[in-house]
Amino acid sequence: MPTGALYAIAYAALSAIGGLIGYAQARSQVSLISGLFSAALLLLGAWLWQAGIPAGAGLAMGVTAALVIVFIRRWMQTRKAMPAVIMIVAGVLAFIGMAVSLVGG
């Protein structure tokens, strides 16, 4: 399995867990739905990527970039570090890992 797909899977897990925690703590259905939907897209991207379909890498990296942007905006608006900073840092690291995997083969 390509290393980039593993980064996508790890970020998918973090997204799903974050959505579940958001729902458990604040009964936020938006957090639950967006976390699980993002995780599903990331897992689809990882699956396509490992199957050798180039669109998988683009999907996984696009969802990761979108989530990083969403959480940067949220952090700037609320100034609350949690969960934004974790998702930003993990997303940037995952994106870099995916990019290196894509370029490196």
Protein backbone atom coordinates (compact mmCIF):
# COMPACT_ATOMS: atom_id res chain seq x y z
CA MET A 1 0.00 0.00 0.00
CA PRO A 2 1.38 3.45 -0.88
CA THR A 3 2.52 5.46 2.10
CA GLY A 4 0.31 8.34 1.01
CA ALA A 5 -2.77 6.14 1.34
CA LEU A 6 -1.74 5.36 4.92
CA TYR A 7 -1.55 9.08 5.69
CA ALA A 8 -5.05 9.48 4.26
CA ILE A 9 -6.33 6.63 6.43
CA ALA A 10 -4.75 8.13 9.55
CA TYR A 11 -6.26 11.55 8.85
CA ALA A 12 -9.61 9.89 8.13
CA ALA A 13 -9.50 8.24 11.55
CA LEU A 14 -8.72 11.57 13.21
CA SER A 15 -11.57 13.25 11.32
CA ALA A 16 -14.07 10.56 12.30
CA ILE A 17 -12.96 10.57 15.94
CA GLY A 18 -13.19 14.37 16.01
CA GLY A 19 -16.71 14.27 14.62
CA LEU A 20 -17.76 11.70 17.20
CA ILE A 21 -16.20 13.70 20.04
CA GLY A 22 -17.89 16.90 18.80
CA TYR A 23 -21.21 15.11 18.83
CA ALA A 24 -20.64 13.51 22.25
CA GLN A 25 -19.59 16.77 23.90
CA ALA A 26 -21.83 19.34 22.25
CA ARG A 27 -24.49 17.22 20.52
CA SER A 28 -23.25 18.84 17.32
CA GLN A 29 -24.80 16.98 14.42
CA VAL A 30 -22.79 19.16 12.03
CA SER A 31 -19.54 17.91 13.62
CA LEU A 32 -20.70 14.32 13.40
CA ILE A 33 -21.85 14.50 9.79
CA SER A 34 -18.89 16.53 8.52
CA GLY A 35 -16.36 14.40 10.41
CA LEU A 36 -17.78 11.13 9.12
CA PHE A 37 -18.30 12.46 5.59
CA SER A 38 -14.73 13.76 5.44
CA ALA A 39 -13.45 10.45 6.78
CA ALA A 40 -15.44 8.56 4.15
CA LEU A 41 -14.00 10.70 1.35
CA LEU A 42 -10.47 10.26 2.71
CA LEU A 43 -10.96 6.49 2.93
CA LEU A 44 -12.32 6.42 -0.63
CA GLY A 45 -9.27 8.37 -1.77
CA ALA A 46 -6.95 5.96 0.04
CA TRP A 47 -8.72 2.96 -1.46
CA LEU A 48 -8.50 4.38 -4.99
CA TRP A 49 -4.88 5.36 -4.41
CA GLN A 50 -3.86 1.88 -3.31
CA ALA A 51 -5.75 0.45 -6.29
CA GLY A 52 -3.52 2.50 -8.56
CA ILE A 53 -6.20 4.96 -9.63
CA PRO A 54 -4.57 8.42 -9.78
CA ALA A 55 -7.77 10.25 -8.79
CA GLY A 56 -7.45 8.69 -5.32
CA ALA A 57 -4.40 10.76 -4.49
CA GLY A 58 -6.11 13.91 -5.72
CA LEU A 59 -9.24 13.17 -3.70
CA ALA A 60 -7.33 12.44 -0.49
CA MET A 61 -5.07 15.45 -0.87
CA GLY A 62 -7.97 17.73 -1.86
CA VAL A 63 -10.07 16.73 1.15
CA THR A 64 -7.05 17.15 3.42
CA ALA A 65 -6.31 20.63 2.04
CA ALA A 66 -9.97 21.62 2.36
CA LEU A 67 -10.09 20.50 5.99
CA VAL A 68 -6.91 22.40 6.81
CA ILE A 69 -8.43 25.56 5.30
CA VAL A 70 -11.72 25.05 7.16
CA PHE A 71 -9.93 24.61 10.48
CA ILE A 72 -7.63 27.59 9.90
CA ARG A 73 -10.71 29.74 9.28
CA ARG A 74 -12.45 28.30 12.35
CA TRP A 75 -9.39 28.95 14.52
CA MET A 76 -9.11 32.52 13.25
CA GLN A 77 -12.80 33.16 14.00
CA THR A 78 -13.02 31.53 17.41
CA ARG A 79 -9.41 31.61 18.66
CA LYS A 80 -10.14 28.24 20.27
CA ALA A 81 -7.15 25.96 19.84
CA MET A 82 -9.11 22.74 20.20
CA PRO A 83 -9.77 20.96 17.90
CA ALA A 84 -8.56 23.34 15.20
CA VAL A 85 -4.82 23.24 15.91
CA ILE A 86 -4.74 19.44 16.06
CA MET A 87 -6.58 19.14 12.75
CA ILE A 88 -4.39 21.82 11.13
CA VAL A 89 -1.09 20.30 12.24
CA ALA A 90 -2.18 16.74 11.48
CA GLY A 91 -3.60 17.83 8.13
CA VAL A 92 -0.44 19.65 7.07
CA LEU A 93 1.68 16.65 8.10
CA ALA A 94 -0.65 14.25 6.29
CA PHE A 95 -0.64 16.44 3.17
CA ILE A 96 3.15 16.61 3.16
CA GLY A 97 3.35 12.85 3.66
CA MET A 98 0.93 12.27 0.78
CA ALA A 99 2.85 14.67 -1.48
CA VAL A 100 6.19 13.06 -0.69
CA SER A 101 4.69 9.63 -1.31
CA LEU A 102 3.24 10.81 -4.61
CA VAL A 103 6.49 12.37 -5.82
CA GLY A 104 8.68 9.60 -4.43
CA GLY A 105 6.63 6.79 -5.86
